Protein backbone atom coordinates (compact mmCIF):
# COMPACT_ATOMS: atom_id res chain seq x y z
CA UNK A 1 -0.09 0.01 -0.14
CA UNK A 2 2.71 1.97 0.82
CA UNK A 3 4.38 1.95 -3.07
CA UNK A 4 1.25 2.59 -4.32
CA UNK A 5 0.90 5.86 -2.50
CA UNK A 6 4.60 6.91 -3.54
CA UNK A 7 3.95 5.90 -7.13
CA UNK A 8 -0.16 6.49 -7.28
CA UNK A 9 0.19 9.40 -9.93
CA UNK A 10 2.36 6.74 -12.03
CA UNK A 11 -0.17 4.29 -11.33
CA UNK A 12 -2.94 6.78 -12.55
CA UNK A 13 -1.56 7.40 -15.83
CA UNK A 14 -0.61 4.15 -16.80
CA UNK A 15 -4.33 2.96 -16.38
CA UNK A 16 -5.12 5.74 -18.29
CA UNK A 17 -3.12 4.98 -21.17
CA UNK A 18 -4.45 1.13 -20.41
CA UNK A 19 -8.09 1.87 -20.07
CA UNK A 20 -7.85 3.78 -23.33
CA UNK A 21 -6.67 0.97 -25.24
CA UNK A 22 -8.50 -1.72 -23.97
CA UNK A 23 -11.96 -0.89 -25.35
CA UNK A 24 -14.34 -2.40 -28.06
CA UNK A 25 -11.31 -3.47 -30.08
CA UNK A 26 -10.27 -6.16 -27.95
CA UNK A 27 -12.92 -8.41 -29.14
CA UNK A 28 -12.16 -8.52 -32.42
CA UNK A 29 -8.58 -9.77 -31.62
CA UNK A 30 -9.77 -13.31 -31.43
CA UNK A 31 -11.68 -13.52 -33.99
CA UNK A 32 -9.13 -11.86 -36.36
CA UNK A 33 -6.22 -14.57 -35.29
CA UNK A 34 -8.92 -17.24 -35.58
CA UNK A 35 -9.96 -16.25 -39.64
CA UNK A 36 -6.11 -15.46 -40.51
CA UNK A 37 -4.25 -18.24 -37.83
CA UNK A 38 -3.22 -17.95 -34.42
CA UNK A 39 0.33 -17.53 -35.62
CA UNK A 40 -0.09 -14.69 -38.15
CA UNK A 41 -2.24 -13.19 -35.28
CA UNK A 42 0.48 -13.50 -33.24
CA UNK A 43 2.92 -11.79 -35.94
CA UNK A 44 1.05 -8.68 -36.18
CA UNK A 45 0.31 -8.62 -32.20
CA UNK A 46 3.86 -8.19 -31.96
CA UNK A 47 4.37 -5.66 -34.63
CA UNK A 48 1.71 -3.36 -34.02
CA UNK A 49 2.29 -3.65 -30.47
CA UNK A 50 6.12 -2.29 -31.15
CA UNK A 51 5.12 0.32 -34.01
CA UNK A 52 2.31 1.76 -31.02
CA UNK A 53 5.31 1.91 -28.13
CA UNK A 54 7.11 3.45 -30.74
CA UNK A 55 4.94 6.40 -31.63
CA UNK A 56 3.01 6.91 -28.31
CA UNK A 57 6.70 7.45 -26.85
CA UNK A 58 7.35 9.94 -29.41
CA UNK A 59 4.26 11.53 -29.06
CA UNK A 60 5.14 11.39 -25.18
CA UNK A 61 8.48 13.43 -26.03
CA UNK A 62 6.36 16.04 -27.99
CA UNK A 63 4.04 16.16 -25.28
CA UNK A 64 6.99 17.65 -23.50
CA UNK A 65 8.53 19.87 -25.94
CA UNK A 66 5.75 21.52 -25.71
CA UNK A 67 4.84 24.65 -23.06
CA UNK A 68 1.59 24.77 -23.92
CA UNK A 69 -1.59 22.38 -23.58
CA UNK A 70 -2.67 20.58 -26.70
CA UNK A 71 -4.66 17.04 -27.61
CA UNK A 72 -3.26 15.60 -30.95
CA UNK A 73 -5.33 18.22 -33.24
CA UNK A 74 -3.25 21.16 -31.55
CA UNK A 75 0.35 19.42 -31.90
CA UNK A 76 -0.40 19.05 -35.56
CA UNK A 77 -1.52 22.95 -36.20
CA UNK A 78 1.37 24.16 -34.12
CA UNK A 79 4.13 22.10 -35.71
CA UNK A 80 2.65 21.11 -38.94
CA UNK A 81 0.53 23.93 -39.98
CA UNK A 82 -3.52 24.51 -40.15
CA UNK A 83 -3.56 22.56 -43.16
CA UNK A 84 -2.65 19.52 -41.12
CA UNK A 85 -4.46 20.50 -38.27
CA UNK A 86 -7.91 19.87 -40.24
CA UNK A 87 -6.21 16.58 -41.34
CA UNK A 88 -5.89 15.76 -37.70
CA UNK A 89 -8.53 16.86 -36.54
CA UNK A 90 -10.98 14.93 -39.34
CA UNK A 91 -9.38 11.72 -38.52
CA UNK A 92 -9.17 12.24 -34.67
CA UNK A 93 -12.89 13.08 -34.43
CA UNK A 94 -14.16 10.45 -37.09
CA UNK A 95 -11.86 7.97 -34.84
CA UNK A 96 -13.67 8.48 -31.54
CA UNK A 97 -17.36 9.08 -32.28
CA UNK A 98 -16.80 6.24 -34.60
CA UNK A 99 -15.27 4.23 -31.60
CA UNK A 100 -17.59 5.62 -28.50
CA UNK A 101 -20.59 5.00 -31.21
CA UNK A 102 -19.40 1.31 -30.91
CA UNK A 103 -19.00 1.49 -27.45
CA UNK A 104 -22.81 2.32 -26.97
CA UNK A 105 -24.02 -0.56 -29.66
CA UNK A 106 -21.64 -3.52 -27.82
CA UNK A 107 -22.19 -2.71 -24.42
CA UNK A 108 -26.48 -3.22 -24.78
CA UNK A 109 -25.94 -6.46 -25.66
CA UNK A 110 -23.08 -6.82 -22.61
CA UNK A 111 -25.28 -6.05 -20.48
CA UNK A 112 -28.17 -7.55 -21.34
CA UNK A 113 -26.23 -10.84 -21.14
CA UNK A 114 -25.34 -9.81 -17.32
CA UNK A 115 -28.45 -8.27 -16.13
CA UNK A 116 -31.23 -9.85 -18.16
CA UNK A 117 -32.10 -13.04 -15.50
CA UNK A 118 -32.61 -9.88 -12.97
CA UNK A 119 -34.02 -6.95 -14.26
CA UNK A 120 -35.27 -7.39 -18.49
CA UNK A 121 -34.91 -4.94 -20.98
CA UNK A 122 -33.78 -4.79 -24.46
CA UNK A 123 -30.45 -4.64 -25.91
CA UNK A 124 -31.03 -1.37 -27.30
CA UNK A 125 -32.45 -0.15 -23.71
CA UNK A 126 -29.37 -1.12 -22.19
CA UNK A 127 -27.48 0.99 -24.61
CA UNK A 128 -29.17 3.76 -24.32
CA UNK A 129 -28.84 3.33 -20.45
CA UNK A 130 -25.31 2.97 -20.98
CA UNK A 131 -24.99 5.83 -23.22
CA UNK A 132 -26.92 8.39 -20.54
CA UNK A 133 -24.58 7.13 -17.51
CA UNK A 134 -21.53 7.11 -19.05
CA UNK A 135 -22.12 10.45 -21.06
CA UNK A 136 -22.96 12.69 -17.33
CA UNK A 137 -19.48 10.65 -15.96
CA UNK A 138 -17.37 12.58 -18.43
CA UNK A 139 -18.91 16.14 -16.26
CA UNK A 140 -16.88 15.01 -13.85
CA UNK A 141 -12.86 16.14 -13.28
CA UNK A 142 -9.84 14.04 -14.69
CA UNK A 143 -8.19 13.11 -11.34
CA UNK A 144 -12.15 11.22 -10.62
CA UNK A 145 -12.30 10.10 -13.71
CA UNK A 146 -8.36 8.66 -13.71
CA UNK A 147 -9.33 6.82 -9.98
CA UNK A 148 -12.12 5.02 -11.72
CA UNK A 149 -9.63 4.22 -14.72
CA UNK A 150 -7.17 2.38 -12.26
CA UNK A 151 -9.92 0.26 -10.40
CA UNK A 152 -11.58 -0.94 -13.56
CA UNK A 153 -8.53 -1.33 -15.32
CA UNK A 154 -7.65 -3.92 -12.13
CA UNK A 155 -10.85 -5.40 -12.62
CA UNK A 156 -11.28 -6.30 -16.03
CA UNK A 157 -7.26 -7.74 -15.73
CA UNK A 158 -8.82 -10.07 -13.01
CA UNK A 159 -11.91 -11.09 -15.26
CA UNK A 160 -9.22 -11.84 -18.17
CA UNK A 161 -7.27 -13.99 -15.61
CA UNK A 162 -10.33 -15.83 -14.66
CA UNK A 163 -11.69 -16.51 -18.14
CA UNK A 164 -7.67 -17.97 -18.79
CA UNK A 165 -7.98 -19.92 -15.82
CA UNK A 166 -11.21 -21.07 -16.88
CA UNK A 167 -10.41 -21.92 -20.09
CA UNK A 168 -6.85 -23.51 -20.03
CA UNK A 169 -7.94 -26.91 -19.54
CA UNK A 170 -9.99 -26.59 -22.54
CA UNK A 171 -7.99 -24.80 -25.19
CA UNK A 172 -7.32 -27.64 -28.00
CA UNK A 173 -3.49 -26.77 -29.32
CA UNK A 174 -4.99 -27.95 -32.80
CA UNK A 175 -7.09 -24.36 -32.77
CA UNK A 176 -4.01 -22.66 -32.95
CA UNK A 177 -2.24 -24.23 -35.70
CA UNK A 178 -4.30 -22.79 -38.88
CA UNK A 179 -3.41 -20.39 -41.19
CA UNK A 180 -5.96 -19.06 -44.01
CA UNK A 181 -4.16 -16.79 -46.21
CA UNK A 182 -7.55 -15.20 -47.78
CA UNK A 183 -7.52 -13.52 -44.08
CA UNK A 184 -3.66 -12.66 -43.25
CA UNK A 185 -4.34 -9.08 -43.28
CA UNK A 186 -6.93 -8.85 -41.20
CA UNK A 187 -5.25 -8.70 -37.67
CA UNK A 188 -3.61 -5.64 -38.63
CA UNK A 189 -6.65 -3.19 -38.82
CA UNK A 190 -8.21 -4.77 -35.89
CA UNK A 191 -4.92 -4.73 -33.81
CA UNK A 192 -4.15 -1.22 -34.68
CA UNK A 193 -7.40 -0.38 -33.67
CA UNK A 194 -7.10 -1.63 -30.15
CA UNK A 195 -4.06 -0.34 -29.58
CA UNK A 196 -5.05 2.96 -30.33
CA UNK A 197 -4.67 5.17 -27.22
CA UNK A 198 -2.31 8.00 -28.13
CA UNK A 199 -5.13 10.90 -26.93
CA UNK A 200 -4.65 9.94 -23.55
CA UNK A 201 -1.03 10.52 -23.51
CA UNK A 202 -1.56 14.52 -23.07
CA UNK A 203 -3.83 13.53 -20.22
CA UNK A 204 -0.91 11.09 -18.57
CA UNK A 205 1.25 14.14 -18.83
CA UNK A 206 -1.38 15.76 -16.67
CA UNK A 207 -1.72 13.28 -14.46
CA UNK A 208 1.96 13.38 -13.89
CA UNK A 209 2.53 17.50 -13.94
CA UNK A 210 5.85 17.64 -11.72
CA UNK A 211 6.51 13.52 -12.63
CA UNK A 212 7.12 14.09 -15.86
CA UNK A 213 10.14 11.86 -16.16
CA UNK A 214 7.92 8.96 -15.67
CA UNK A 215 6.11 9.57 -18.79
CA UNK A 216 7.91 7.23 -21.03
CA UNK A 217 8.18 4.46 -18.15
CA UNK A 218 4.79 4.55 -17.50
CA UNK A 219 4.18 4.45 -22.02
CA UNK A 220 5.98 1.50 -21.72
CA UNK A 221 4.22 -0.06 -19.00
CA UNK A 222 1.04 0.22 -20.35
CA UNK A 223 1.59 -0.64 -23.75
CA UNK A 224 3.19 -3.90 -22.79
CA UNK A 225 0.34 -4.92 -20.79
CA UNK A 226 -2.42 -4.39 -23.08
CA UNK A 227 0.16 -6.77 -25.75
CA UNK A 228 0.04 -9.00 -22.88
CA UNK A 229 -3.65 -8.79 -22.40
CA UNK A 230 -4.58 -9.08 -25.64
CA UNK A 231 -2.75 -12.34 -26.20
CA UNK A 232 -3.99 -14.03 -23.65
CA UNK A 233 -7.45 -13.21 -24.36
CA UNK A 234 -6.94 -14.33 -27.66
CA UNK A 235 -5.29 -17.41 -26.86
CA UNK A 236 -7.87 -18.58 -24.78
CA UNK A 237 -10.98 -18.06 -26.84
CA UNK A 238 -9.08 -19.07 -29.90
CA UNK A 239 -7.70 -22.24 -28.52
CA UNK A 240 -11.40 -23.02 -27.10
CA UNK A 241 -13.59 -21.71 -29.81
CA UNK A 242 -11.04 -22.36 -33.06
CA UNK A 243 -13.28 -21.59 -36.18
CA UNK A 244 -16.74 -20.88 -34.17
CA UNK A 245 -15.27 -18.40 -32.28
CA UNK A 246 -17.65 -15.22 -32.73
CA UNK A 247 -16.93 -11.69 -34.06
CA UNK A 248 -17.39 -10.54 -30.28
CA UNK A 249 -15.53 -13.65 -29.04
CA UNK A 250 -17.79 -14.06 -26.24
CA UNK A 251 -20.64 -16.01 -27.11
CA UNK A 252 -18.52 -18.69 -28.96
CA UNK A 253 -17.23 -19.62 -25.53
CA UNK A 254 -21.13 -20.51 -24.24
CA UNK A 255 -20.90 -24.58 -25.96
CA UNK A 256 -17.27 -24.87 -24.36
CA UNK A 257 -17.48 -22.84 -20.78
CA UNK A 258 -21.24 -22.40 -20.03
CA UNK A 259 -22.87 -19.43 -18.87
CA UNK A 260 -20.62 -18.10 -16.14
CA UNK A 261 -17.97 -17.19 -18.77
CA UNK A 262 -20.12 -15.38 -20.83
CA UNK A 263 -21.28 -13.37 -17.95
CA UNK A 264 -18.32 -13.14 -17.08
CA UNK A 265 -16.72 -11.94 -20.56
CA UNK A 266 -19.61 -9.44 -20.91
CA UNK A 267 -18.07 -8.01 -17.27
CA UNK A 268 -15.27 -7.66 -18.77
CA UNK A 269 -16.75 -6.45 -22.00
CA UNK A 270 -18.61 -3.62 -19.91
CA UNK A 271 -15.31 -2.80 -17.88
CA UNK A 272 -13.20 -1.97 -21.46
CA UNK A 273 -15.87 0.03 -23.13
CA UNK A 274 -16.67 2.00 -20.90
CA UNK A 275 -13.50 3.12 -19.61
CA UNK A 276 -12.73 3.65 -23.01
CA UNK A 277 -15.62 5.81 -24.02
CA UNK A 278 -14.83 7.68 -20.94
CA UNK A 279 -11.08 8.40 -21.80
CA UNK A 280 -11.66 9.09 -25.46
CA UNK A 281 -14.42 11.41 -24.60
CA UNK A 282 -12.37 13.33 -22.19
CA UNK A 283 -9.79 13.41 -24.91
CA UNK A 284 -12.24 14.83 -27.73
CA UNK A 285 -13.47 17.27 -25.05
CA UNK A 286 -9.81 18.36 -25.10
CA UNK A 287 -9.72 18.52 -28.34
CA UNK A 288 -12.68 21.37 -27.94
CA UNK A 289 -11.25 23.37 -25.32
CA UNK A 290 -7.62 23.00 -25.70
CA UNK A 291 -7.20 23.41 -29.28
CA UNK A 292 -10.46 25.31 -30.34
CA UNK A 293 -11.09 27.76 -27.21
CA UNK A 294 -14.53 26.43 -26.42
CA UNK A 295 -15.79 27.13 -23.18
CA UNK A 296 -18.31 25.72 -20.61
CA UNK A 297 -20.51 22.41 -21.00
CA UNK A 298 -19.98 23.05 -25.27
CA UNK A 299 -17.09 20.48 -25.77
CA UNK A 300 -18.84 18.18 -23.34
CA UNK A 301 -22.08 18.48 -25.88
CA UNK A 302 -20.06 17.90 -28.59
CA UNK A 303 -18.56 14.78 -27.51
CA UNK A 304 -21.21 13.28 -26.18
CA UNK A 305 -24.38 13.96 -28.80
CA UNK A 306 -22.88 12.91 -31.69
CA UNK A 307 -22.62 9.47 -31.26
CA UNK A 308 -25.91 9.09 -28.99
CA UNK A 309 -27.56 10.82 -32.25
CA UNK A 310 -26.26 8.41 -34.30
CA UNK A 311 -27.24 5.52 -32.05
CA UNK A 312 -30.43 6.93 -31.62
CA UNK A 313 -31.51 7.53 -35.76
CA UNK A 314 -30.57 3.90 -35.99
CA UNK A 315 -26.78 3.32 -37.05
CA UNK A 316 -26.38 0.49 -35.62
CA UNK A 317 -24.05 -1.82 -37.53
CA UNK A 318 -21.48 -2.50 -34.88
CA UNK A 319 -19.20 -4.08 -37.70
CA UNK A 320 -19.59 -1.46 -39.74
CA UNK A 321 -18.43 1.48 -37.62
CA UNK A 322 -16.14 -0.52 -36.56
CA UNK A 323 -14.17 -0.41 -40.11
CA UNK A 324 -15.12 3.13 -40.20
CA UNK A 325 -13.05 3.58 -37.21
CA UNK A 326 -10.10 0.72 -37.81
CA UNK A 327 -7.00 1.44 -40.14
CA UNK A 328 -7.81 4.42 -41.93
CA UNK A 329 -8.23 6.70 -39.08
CA UNK A 330 -5.84 5.21 -36.91
CA UNK A 331 -3.17 4.58 -39.30
CA UNK A 332 -3.83 8.53 -40.71
CA UNK A 333 -3.50 9.60 -37.24
CA UNK A 334 -0.07 7.69 -36.53
CA UNK A 335 1.44 9.13 -39.79
CA UNK A 336 0.71 12.98 -38.87
CA UNK A 337 1.96 11.73 -35.06
CA UNK A 338 5.60 10.97 -37.14
CA UNK A 339 5.98 14.26 -38.76
CA UNK A 340 4.82 16.14 -35.52
CA UNK A 341 7.77 13.86 -33.96
CA UNK A 342 10.79 15.25 -36.64
CA UNK A 343 9.10 19.25 -36.82
CA UNK A 344 9.00 18.92 -32.61
CA UNK A 345 12.69 17.92 -32.74
CA UNK A 346 13.60 21.00 -34.02
CA UNK A 347 10.46 23.59 -32.73
CA UNK A 348 9.97 22.48 -29.72
CA UNK A 349 10.30 25.62 -26.90
CA UNK A 350 10.60 22.92 -23.91
CA UNK A 351 13.70 21.07 -23.01
CA UNK A 352 12.27 17.33 -22.62
CA UNK A 353 12.65 14.68 -19.76
CA UNK A 354 13.36 12.13 -22.28
CA UNK A 355 14.58 12.34 -25.96
CA UNK A 356 14.47 9.19 -28.47
CA UNK A 357 17.03 8.50 -30.96
CA UNK A 358 15.20 7.49 -33.94
CA UNK A 359 16.97 7.46 -37.21
CA UNK A 360 15.19 9.16 -39.89
CA UNK A 361 14.84 6.19 -42.27
CA UNK A 362 12.97 4.52 -39.41
CA UNK A 363 10.76 7.39 -39.13
CA UNK A 364 9.61 7.26 -43.10
CA UNK A 365 9.35 3.52 -43.16
CA UNK A 366 6.97 3.26 -40.43
CA UNK A 367 5.27 6.01 -42.15
CA UNK A 368 5.44 4.25 -45.46
CA UNK A 369 4.18 1.11 -43.66
CA UNK A 370 0.79 2.51 -42.19
CA UNK A 371 0.10 4.69 -45.32
CA UNK A 372 0.46 0.88 -47.35
CA UNK A 373 -1.87 -0.18 -44.57
CA UNK A 374 -4.46 2.56 -45.58
CA UNK A 375 -4.09 1.83 -49.34
CA UNK A 376 -4.40 -1.93 -48.89
CA UNK A 377 -7.84 -1.33 -47.36
CA UNK A 378 -8.79 1.25 -49.24
CA UNK A 379 -7.92 -1.02 -52.40
CA UNK A 380 -8.31 -4.60 -51.26
CA UNK A 381 -10.63 -4.04 -48.36
């Protein structure tokens, strides 16, 4: 307990990034591994996890090189100019609105699995309930949200370990040996979306104000924790359910592990999408507040209303929404962040607590890789 008290801001900051990353994307990871082959998925997990770690650490350095407070959109305008600020705003808002809408859609399914035996409502009604409660939670300040994140992050890590404990004895290793070349690229976009949490890094800096030297360590711990969670979750689900792994991972376990595991998985689901809804919502509020100077309740209203309205008018196709928020928007954001980092190295107005030494050829290669992913999805997706 003393250890926690001494480093509580570090744990809060790490939980913020973990909670932002582990959202609805985690439920697509086992499905993508099952379709492409577990070995192929594992290689993509290593690749996307490594690239995410590098870009997140780079963005952390950008933040530490800048005296003024911004979100990703503001840093694009500061270091690359107004045109790129507009592109970043489009990519980030598209990604966040679509992700928040996806959280609302799938939360209704999870809440129905958990509560329908005690209090029956339709899945749609549960989605509305989720959206209303989480939207009002966004009215609270950053510290309160970060404390909720720490508690919920610890709780859904425990749920993943419980699912692993129940399922590991029923893992069929034959399910982990298939390779399907038709779907070899499927894990890329899903994992890129599942690892996306860069909008939480300015929030980490706020939590660690006065302790900025811990930012890089917090990013490393967060990305590593998320990668381990995804691997354990995918190994258990694919190993147990194999070819009948469901798109949201949980339902396919029913025949093998029973209703208790479905309920546990649904609890994990609510925790995951709830924490990500809060953190992405807080990040978007800061875009409107920090980068566009909006005051009072308007940033909150602009954050919570569009996903709510889109759900009300009938946009409820989970897979379609995830596709919208996938590798296109996230890939574009990552490309822009790379060029922001290059510019901040020479234009930053503050001495950072850490400085990465990444060769230019590697930075351009990473940008080309993300661009190739966008082209692949647009042309062949």
